[in-house]
Amino acid sequence: MAEMVDVPGDVISATLWGSYVDSGVRFFSNYRPRKRRDTLALVADQAGYTRPDDFLSLIEVEWGASRRRYSTSTHPAPWSADFATVDLPRFREMDDKIYLDPAPTSTQIGSYGTEYAYWYKGAHEVTDEATTIPAYDDPIVKLFAKWCAYRDLAVQPGQPEEFVVRYRKMAEQVWERIEALLKPAPAIVR
């Protein structure tokens, strides 16, 4: 992706440019994340679990959904002895881990299953071989990387004032193009 964008190569190193592209991928991932599904293999009274590397935020939890929408014909009624009386664990993400608070009990795991299924917003991936960003959205990532480069060039110490003004103006123009691409397309009226 880096070789397809025209930023002055004599000013930006390849390593620095790569970090700008990474910033563009993170920016795009927050704008249009992937919808991903994962499961945790539950262990009674264990609260902490490994979080997926691309995890951005939780969308919804499937585990225990039957309790939230229970039917007395298929599940025990809340007043029955078989109904798990403890509240379902809340999903928390902290320090690159997932925590279920309070930790699921053996009764809950027996009632709702050993697989804790959930949906989350996932970051996009870009490697030399492949990308998860659709081709039609590449310009957003590239423009954001370009904006980062111009922004940094504008605040570089010792830069002549004419370059500062020029790079700020270029950054503003690139940001306007990004905003235009992020606007939803007008609805088609038939």
Protein backbone atom coordinates (compact mmCIF):
# COMPACT_ATOMS: atom_id res chain seq x y z
CA MET A 1 0.00 0.00 0.00
CA ALA A 2 2.89 2.37 0.74
CA GLU A 3 4.30 2.36 -2.79
CA MET A 4 1.05 3.66 -4.27
CA VAL A 5 0.98 7.07 -2.54
CA ASP A 6 2.88 10.13 -3.67
CA VAL A 7 4.54 11.79 -0.67
CA PRO A 8 8.01 13.25 -1.04
CA GLY A 9 10.24 10.19 -0.48
CA ASP A 10 13.31 12.28 0.27
CA VAL A 11 11.55 13.74 3.32
CA ILE A 12 9.71 10.69 4.73
CA SER A 13 11.60 7.50 5.57
CA ALA A 14 10.08 4.14 4.65
CA THR A 15 9.75 3.23 8.35
CA LEU A 16 7.97 6.48 9.16
CA TRP A 17 5.73 6.10 6.11
CA GLY A 18 4.84 2.57 7.28
CA SER A 19 3.75 3.99 10.64
CA TYR A 20 1.53 6.50 8.81
CA VAL A 21 -0.07 3.68 6.82
CA ASP A 22 -0.63 1.79 10.10
CA SER A 23 -2.33 4.92 11.47
CA GLY A 24 -4.51 5.01 8.37
CA VAL A 25 -5.52 1.38 8.89
CA ARG A 26 -6.41 2.11 12.56
CA PHE A 27 -8.38 5.20 11.49
CA PHE A 28 -10.28 3.22 8.87
CA SER A 29 -10.88 0.33 11.30
CA ASN A 30 -12.63 2.71 13.68
CA TYR A 31 -14.64 4.18 10.81
CA ARG A 32 -15.67 0.88 9.20
CA PRO A 33 -14.64 -2.09 11.39
CA ARG A 34 -15.04 -5.73 10.51
CA LYS A 35 -17.82 -7.61 12.29
CA ARG A 36 -16.22 -10.66 13.85
CA ARG A 37 -17.45 -13.58 15.96
CA ASP A 38 -15.41 -15.36 18.59
CA THR A 39 -15.98 -17.87 21.37
CA LEU A 40 -14.36 -18.38 24.75
CA ALA A 41 -14.04 -21.86 26.22
CA LEU A 42 -15.51 -21.21 29.65
CA VAL A 43 -14.03 -22.53 32.87
CA ALA A 44 -16.09 -22.29 36.05
CA ASP A 45 -15.00 -19.44 38.34
CA GLN A 46 -12.41 -18.15 35.83
CA ALA A 47 -12.82 -14.46 35.00
CA GLY A 48 -9.92 -13.68 32.61
CA TYR A 49 -9.61 -14.85 28.98
CA THR A 50 -7.41 -14.04 25.99
CA ARG A 51 -8.67 -11.22 23.78
CA PRO A 52 -8.39 -11.39 19.97
CA ASP A 53 -5.58 -9.19 18.61
CA ASP A 54 -7.95 -7.29 16.29
CA PHE A 55 -10.55 -6.56 19.01
CA LEU A 56 -11.81 -2.96 19.02
CA SER A 57 -15.11 -3.14 20.92
CA LEU A 58 -17.96 -5.47 21.81
CA ILE A 59 -21.09 -5.61 19.65
CA GLU A 60 -23.16 -8.23 21.45
CA VAL A 61 -22.97 -11.39 23.53
CA GLU A 62 -24.82 -14.52 22.41
CA TRP A 63 -24.07 -16.63 25.49
CA GLY A 64 -27.02 -16.57 27.86
CA ALA A 65 -29.22 -14.81 25.33
CA SER A 66 -31.85 -17.46 25.95
CA ARG A 67 -32.08 -16.17 29.52
CA ARG A 68 -32.63 -12.64 28.29
CA ARG A 69 -35.43 -13.85 25.99
CA TYR A 70 -36.48 -16.92 27.92
CA SER A 71 -39.61 -18.87 27.34
CA THR A 72 -40.98 -21.06 30.14
CA SER A 73 -41.77 -23.75 27.56
CA THR A 74 -38.07 -24.17 26.65
CA HIS A 75 -36.24 -22.88 29.77
CA PRO A 76 -36.87 -23.02 33.48
CA ALA A 77 -38.98 -20.19 34.83
CA PRO A 78 -37.19 -17.64 37.06
CA TRP A 79 -39.04 -18.98 40.14
CA SER A 80 -37.97 -22.58 39.47
CA ALA A 81 -35.08 -24.20 41.38
CA ASP A 82 -33.33 -25.02 38.06
CA PHE A 83 -33.07 -21.35 37.07
CA ALA A 84 -29.54 -19.95 37.58
CA THR A 85 -30.25 -17.21 40.11
CA VAL A 86 -26.95 -15.37 39.79
CA ASP A 87 -26.82 -12.54 37.24
CA LEU A 88 -25.03 -13.36 34.00
CA PRO A 89 -21.44 -12.14 33.83
CA ARG A 90 -20.80 -8.74 32.27
CA PHE A 91 -18.24 -8.54 29.46
CA ARG A 92 -15.27 -6.27 30.20
CA GLU A 93 -12.15 -5.64 28.12
CA MET A 94 -9.03 -4.36 29.85
CA ASP A 95 -5.27 -4.70 29.42
CA ASP A 96 -5.55 -6.88 26.29
CA LYS A 97 -7.74 -9.40 28.11
CA ILE A 98 -11.45 -10.16 28.37
CA TYR A 99 -12.96 -10.38 31.82
CA LEU A 100 -16.34 -11.85 32.71
CA ASP A 101 -17.60 -10.21 35.88
CA PRO A 102 -18.52 -12.05 37.98
CA ALA A 103 -16.82 -15.20 36.72
CA PRO A 104 -19.33 -17.70 35.29
CA THR A 105 -20.39 -20.43 37.68
CA SER A 106 -20.59 -24.13 36.92
CA THR A 107 -24.41 -23.86 37.14
CA GLN A 108 -24.44 -21.12 34.49
CA ILE A 109 -22.06 -23.05 32.25
CA GLY A 110 -24.29 -26.12 32.63
CA SER A 111 -27.37 -24.05 31.74
CA TYR A 112 -26.04 -21.91 28.88
CA GLY A 113 -23.11 -23.90 27.49
CA THR A 114 -19.34 -24.05 27.65
CA GLU A 115 -18.80 -21.80 24.63
CA TYR A 116 -19.18 -18.06 25.35
CA ALA A 117 -20.02 -16.70 21.89
CA TYR A 118 -19.85 -12.97 21.18
CA TRP A 119 -19.60 -10.52 18.27
CA TYR A 120 -17.08 -7.70 18.19
CA LYS A 121 -15.77 -4.91 15.99
CA GLY A 122 -12.40 -5.97 14.60
CA ALA A 123 -9.52 -3.99 13.16
CA HIS A 124 -8.52 -4.44 9.54
CA GLU A 125 -5.26 -6.12 8.58
CA VAL A 126 -2.84 -5.06 5.87
CA THR A 127 0.18 -7.18 4.96
CA ASP A 128 2.42 -7.38 1.90
CA GLU A 129 0.32 -10.30 0.64
CA ALA A 130 -3.27 -9.30 1.46
CA THR A 131 -5.60 -6.78 3.02
CA THR A 132 -9.06 -6.92 4.58
CA ILE A 133 -9.83 -3.39 3.39
CA PRO A 134 -12.01 -3.36 0.28
CA ALA A 135 -10.26 -1.93 -2.77
CA TYR A 136 -12.81 0.87 -3.07
CA ASP A 137 -11.86 2.06 0.46
CA ASP A 138 -8.07 2.09 -0.13
CA PRO A 139 -8.10 5.84 -0.83
CA ILE A 140 -9.30 6.57 2.72
CA VAL A 141 -6.33 4.74 4.25
CA LYS A 142 -3.84 6.28 1.82
CA LEU A 143 -5.19 9.78 2.31
CA PHE A 144 -5.06 9.45 6.09
CA ALA A 145 -1.42 8.33 5.86
CA LYS A 146 -0.72 11.29 3.61
CA TRP A 147 -2.47 13.63 6.05
CA CYS A 148 -0.31 12.29 8.91
CA ALA A 149 2.83 12.93 6.85
CA TYR A 150 1.87 16.51 5.95
CA ARG A 151 0.78 17.23 9.52
CA ASP A 152 4.14 16.05 10.88
CA LEU A 153 6.11 17.90 8.22
CA ALA A 154 4.26 21.11 9.13
CA VAL A 155 5.37 20.94 12.78
CA GLN A 156 8.92 19.71 12.19
CA PRO A 157 11.42 21.87 14.15
CA GLY A 158 13.56 24.19 12.07
CA GLN A 159 11.19 24.09 9.11
CA PRO A 160 11.13 27.38 7.11
CA GLU A 161 7.83 29.22 7.53
CA GLU A 162 6.95 28.85 3.83
CA PHE A 163 7.14 25.03 4.18
CA VAL A 164 5.07 25.10 7.38
CA VAL A 165 2.32 27.04 5.61
CA ARG A 166 2.54 24.82 2.52
CA TYR A 167 2.34 21.54 4.46
CA ARG A 168 -0.51 22.81 6.66
CA LYS A 169 -2.45 23.79 3.56
CA MET A 170 -1.77 20.39 1.98
CA ALA A 171 -2.90 18.64 5.19
CA GLU A 172 -6.14 20.67 5.20
CA GLN A 173 -6.82 19.78 1.56
CA VAL A 174 -6.20 16.08 2.19
CA TRP A 175 -8.46 16.16 5.28
CA GLU A 176 -11.27 17.71 3.19
CA ARG A 177 -10.93 14.83 0.71
CA ILE A 178 -11.08 12.32 3.58
CA GLU A 179 -14.23 13.94 4.96
CA ALA A 180 -15.82 13.83 1.50
CA LEU A 181 -15.07 10.10 1.22
CA LEU A 182 -16.46 9.41 4.70
CA LYS A 183 -19.80 11.08 3.99
CA PRO A 184 -22.55 8.59 3.29
CA ALA A 185 -23.67 8.43 -0.30
CA PRO A 186 -27.02 10.12 -0.98
CA ALA A 187 -29.97 7.77 -1.13
CA ILE A 188 -31.14 6.82 -4.59
CA VAL A 189 -34.71 7.97 -5.15
CA ARG A 190 -36.75 5.98 -7.62
